[in-house]
């Protein structure tokens, strides 16, 4: 089974940027789509961005133009570059291995002045 470890979360002011990373171990990374999801307090978990093994991407409407998902198969890592952050982006962010349906432990992102 694959293990996923997210990092890069933190506290940032509105308009700021963060880059999240998700390191996968255990194999099966390069052949799988990878996703970033988030869950805010009191809300359901939602898909934020997804990238296929071939590099095709998709985003939830609310982050289009602000967030960019990318992957480095040599490093078994998927990234989420988040720009122009808003308070509504505050959530725990999780990465997911879409083939094995495995989740990381999550990393907290807080956007506040």
C-alpha atoms as a PDB file:
ATOM      1  CA  UNK A   1       0.000   0.000   0.000  1.00  0.00           C
ATOM      2  CA  UNK A   2       1.099   3.546  -0.654  1.00  0.00           C
ATOM      3  CA  UNK A   3       1.764   5.995   2.169  1.00  0.00           C
ATOM      4  CA  UNK A   4       1.260   9.714   1.709  1.00  0.00           C
ATOM      5  CA  UNK A   5       2.769  12.528   3.780  1.00  0.00           C
ATOM      6  CA  UNK A   6       1.666  16.134   3.244  1.00  0.00           C
ATOM      7  CA  UNK A   7       3.654  19.193   4.242  1.00  0.00           C
ATOM      8  CA  UNK A   8       3.757  22.925   3.625  1.00  0.00           C
ATOM      9  CA  UNK A   9       0.661  24.133   5.415  1.00  0.00           C
ATOM     10  CA  UNK A  10       0.604  27.069   7.777  1.00  0.00           C
ATOM     11  CA  UNK A  11      -0.817  30.480   8.574  1.00  0.00           C
ATOM     12  CA  UNK A  12      -0.827  33.036   5.779  1.00  0.00           C
ATOM     13  CA  UNK A  13      -2.440  36.427   5.277  1.00  0.00           C
ATOM     14  CA  UNK A  14      -5.129  36.943   2.639  1.00  0.00           C
ATOM     15  CA  UNK A  15      -3.506  37.382  -0.746  1.00  0.00           C
ATOM     16  CA  UNK A  16      -0.517  35.292   0.236  1.00  0.00           C
ATOM     17  CA  UNK A  17       0.830  32.048  -1.168  1.00  0.00           C
ATOM     18  CA  UNK A  18       1.701  28.571   0.040  1.00  0.00           C
ATOM     19  CA  UNK A  19       3.005  25.464  -1.672  1.00  0.00           C
ATOM     20  CA  UNK A  20       1.863  22.097  -0.382  1.00  0.00           C
ATOM     21  CA  UNK A  21       3.805  18.919  -1.027  1.00  0.00           C
ATOM     22  CA  UNK A  22       2.740  15.291  -0.811  1.00  0.00           C
ATOM     23  CA  UNK A  23       5.402  12.607  -0.777  1.00  0.00           C
ATOM     24  CA  UNK A  24       4.312   9.103  -1.740  1.00  0.00           C
ATOM     25  CA  UNK A  25       6.107   5.934  -0.726  1.00  0.00           C
ATOM     26  CA  UNK A  26       5.348   2.306  -1.397  1.00  0.00           C
ATOM     27  CA  UNK A  27       5.165   2.380  -5.160  1.00  0.00           C
ATOM     28  CA  UNK A  28       2.522   3.000  -7.768  1.00  0.00           C
ATOM     29  CA  UNK A  29       2.901   6.757  -7.894  1.00  0.00           C
ATOM     30  CA  UNK A  30       3.748   7.514 -11.502  1.00  0.00           C
ATOM     31  CA  UNK A  31       0.911   5.424 -12.935  1.00  0.00           C
ATOM     32  CA  UNK A  32      -1.834   6.934 -10.800  1.00  0.00           C
ATOM     33  CA  UNK A  33      -3.830  10.120 -10.786  1.00  0.00           C
ATOM     34  CA  UNK A  34      -3.234  12.152  -7.649  1.00  0.00           C
ATOM     35  CA  UNK A  35      -5.640  14.561  -6.019  1.00  0.00           C
ATOM     36  CA  UNK A  36      -5.694  17.357  -3.486  1.00  0.00           C
ATOM     37  CA  UNK A  37      -8.789  17.667  -1.328  1.00  0.00           C
ATOM     38  CA  UNK A  38      -9.746  19.922   1.541  1.00  0.00           C
ATOM     39  CA  UNK A  39     -12.139  19.894   4.445  1.00  0.00           C
ATOM     40  CA  UNK A  40     -13.145  23.003   6.326  1.00  0.00           C
ATOM     41  CA  UNK A  41     -14.695  22.860   9.770  1.00  0.00           C
ATOM     42  CA  UNK A  42     -18.321  21.828   9.521  1.00  0.00           C
ATOM     43  CA  UNK A  43     -18.141  21.147   5.789  1.00  0.00           C
ATOM     44  CA  UNK A  44     -17.766  18.078   3.613  1.00  0.00           C
ATOM     45  CA  UNK A  45     -14.437  17.170   2.096  1.00  0.00           C
ATOM     46  CA  UNK A  46     -14.171  18.469  -1.464  1.00  0.00           C
ATOM     47  CA  UNK A  47     -11.854  17.844  -4.361  1.00  0.00           C
ATOM     48  CA  UNK A  48      -9.631  20.843  -5.011  1.00  0.00           C
ATOM     49  CA  UNK A  49      -7.408  19.663  -7.855  1.00  0.00           C
ATOM     50  CA  UNK A  50      -6.470  16.473  -9.616  1.00  0.00           C
ATOM     51  CA  UNK A  51      -3.666  15.500 -11.959  1.00  0.00           C
ATOM     52  CA  UNK A  52      -3.563  12.385 -14.113  1.00  0.00           C
ATOM     53  CA  UNK A  53      -0.511  10.226 -14.714  1.00  0.00           C
ATOM     54  CA  UNK A  54      -0.136  12.021 -18.030  1.00  0.00           C
ATOM     55  CA  UNK A  55      -0.269  15.484 -16.496  1.00  0.00           C
ATOM     56  CA  UNK A  56      -3.837  16.508 -17.300  1.00  0.00           C
ATOM     57  CA  UNK A  57      -5.333  18.667 -14.576  1.00  0.00           C
ATOM     58  CA  UNK A  58      -8.716  19.738 -13.289  1.00  0.00           C
ATOM     59  CA  UNK A  59      -9.778  22.120 -10.534  1.00  0.00           C
ATOM     60  CA  UNK A  60     -12.799  23.035  -8.512  1.00  0.00           C
ATOM     61  CA  UNK A  61     -14.207  26.276  -9.856  1.00  0.00           C
ATOM     62  CA  UNK A  62     -13.414  28.287  -6.735  1.00  0.00           C
ATOM     63  CA  UNK A  63      -9.637  27.831  -7.122  1.00  0.00           C
ATOM     64  CA  UNK A  64      -9.250  28.055 -10.898  1.00  0.00           C
ATOM     65  CA  UNK A  65      -6.651  30.643 -11.807  1.00  0.00           C
ATOM     66  CA  UNK A  66      -5.239  30.687  -8.266  1.00  0.00           C
ATOM     67  CA  UNK A  67      -4.074  27.123  -7.575  1.00  0.00           C
ATOM     68  CA  UNK A  68      -1.796  24.917  -9.652  1.00  0.00           C
ATOM     69  CA  UNK A  69      -1.315  21.186  -9.190  1.00  0.00           C
ATOM     70  CA  UNK A  70       1.851  19.551 -10.481  1.00  0.00           C
ATOM     71  CA  UNK A  71       3.810  16.359 -10.008  1.00  0.00           C
ATOM     72  CA  UNK A  72       7.401  15.181 -10.083  1.00  0.00           C
ATOM     73  CA  UNK A  73       7.431  11.450 -10.712  1.00  0.00           C
ATOM     74  CA  UNK A  74      11.175  11.229 -10.080  1.00  0.00           C
ATOM     75  CA  UNK A  75      10.544  12.476  -6.553  1.00  0.00           C
ATOM     76  CA  UNK A  76       7.206  10.669  -6.030  1.00  0.00           C
ATOM     77  CA  UNK A  77       5.767  14.031  -5.068  1.00  0.00           C
ATOM     78  CA  UNK A  78       2.672  16.005  -5.990  1.00  0.00           C
ATOM     79  CA  UNK A  79       2.451  19.725  -5.308  1.00  0.00           C
ATOM     80  CA  UNK A  80      -0.273  22.298  -4.880  1.00  0.00           C
ATOM     81  CA  UNK A  81       0.807  25.886  -5.449  1.00  0.00           C
ATOM     82  CA  UNK A  82      -1.768  28.187  -3.891  1.00  0.00           C
ATOM     83  CA  UNK A  83      -1.739  31.889  -4.740  1.00  0.00           C
ATOM     84  CA  UNK A  84      -4.082  34.760  -3.891  1.00  0.00           C
ATOM     85  CA  UNK A  85      -5.296  32.863  -0.861  1.00  0.00           C
ATOM     86  CA  UNK A  86      -8.616  33.806   0.699  1.00  0.00           C
ATOM     87  CA  UNK A  87     -10.073  33.151   4.160  1.00  0.00           C
ATOM     88  CA  UNK A  88     -12.481  30.676   2.510  1.00  0.00           C
ATOM     89  CA  UNK A  89      -9.464  28.539   1.568  1.00  0.00           C
ATOM     90  CA  UNK A  90      -8.909  27.762   5.263  1.00  0.00           C
ATOM     91  CA  UNK A  91      -9.126  23.995   5.684  1.00  0.00           C
ATOM     92  CA  UNK A  92      -7.189  20.823   6.242  1.00  0.00           C
ATOM     93  CA  UNK A  93      -5.692  19.804   2.908  1.00  0.00           C
ATOM     94  CA  UNK A  94      -5.263  16.140   2.042  1.00  0.00           C
ATOM     95  CA  UNK A  95      -3.647  14.393  -0.861  1.00  0.00           C
ATOM     96  CA  UNK A  96      -5.069  11.202  -2.252  1.00  0.00           C
ATOM     97  CA  UNK A  97      -3.700   8.384  -4.370  1.00  0.00           C
ATOM     98  CA  UNK A  98      -6.635   7.902  -6.699  1.00  0.00           C
ATOM     99  CA  UNK A  99      -5.896   4.292  -7.673  1.00  0.00           C
ATOM    100  CA  UNK A 100      -5.442   2.917  -4.165  1.00  0.00           C
ATOM    101  CA  UNK A 101      -7.823   5.492  -2.659  1.00  0.00           C
ATOM    102  CA  UNK A 102      -5.266   6.201   0.065  1.00  0.00           C
ATOM    103  CA  UNK A 103      -5.194   9.444   2.061  1.00  0.00           C
ATOM    104  CA  UNK A 104      -2.456  11.345   3.784  1.00  0.00           C
ATOM    105  CA  UNK A 105      -2.828  12.702   7.313  1.00  0.00           C
ATOM    106  CA  UNK A 106      -3.547  16.244   6.111  1.00  0.00           C
ATOM    107  CA  UNK A 107      -1.922  19.628   6.587  1.00  0.00           C
ATOM    108  CA  UNK A 108      -3.664  22.675   8.016  1.00  0.00           C
ATOM    109  CA  UNK A 109      -3.925  25.832   5.931  1.00  0.00           C
ATOM    110  CA  UNK A 110      -5.201  28.939   7.689  1.00  0.00           C
ATOM    111  CA  UNK A 111      -5.752  32.193   5.813  1.00  0.00           C
ATOM    112  CA  UNK A 112      -6.259  35.057   8.228  1.00  0.00           C
ATOM    113  CA  UNK A 113      -5.078  38.567   8.934  1.00  0.00           C
END
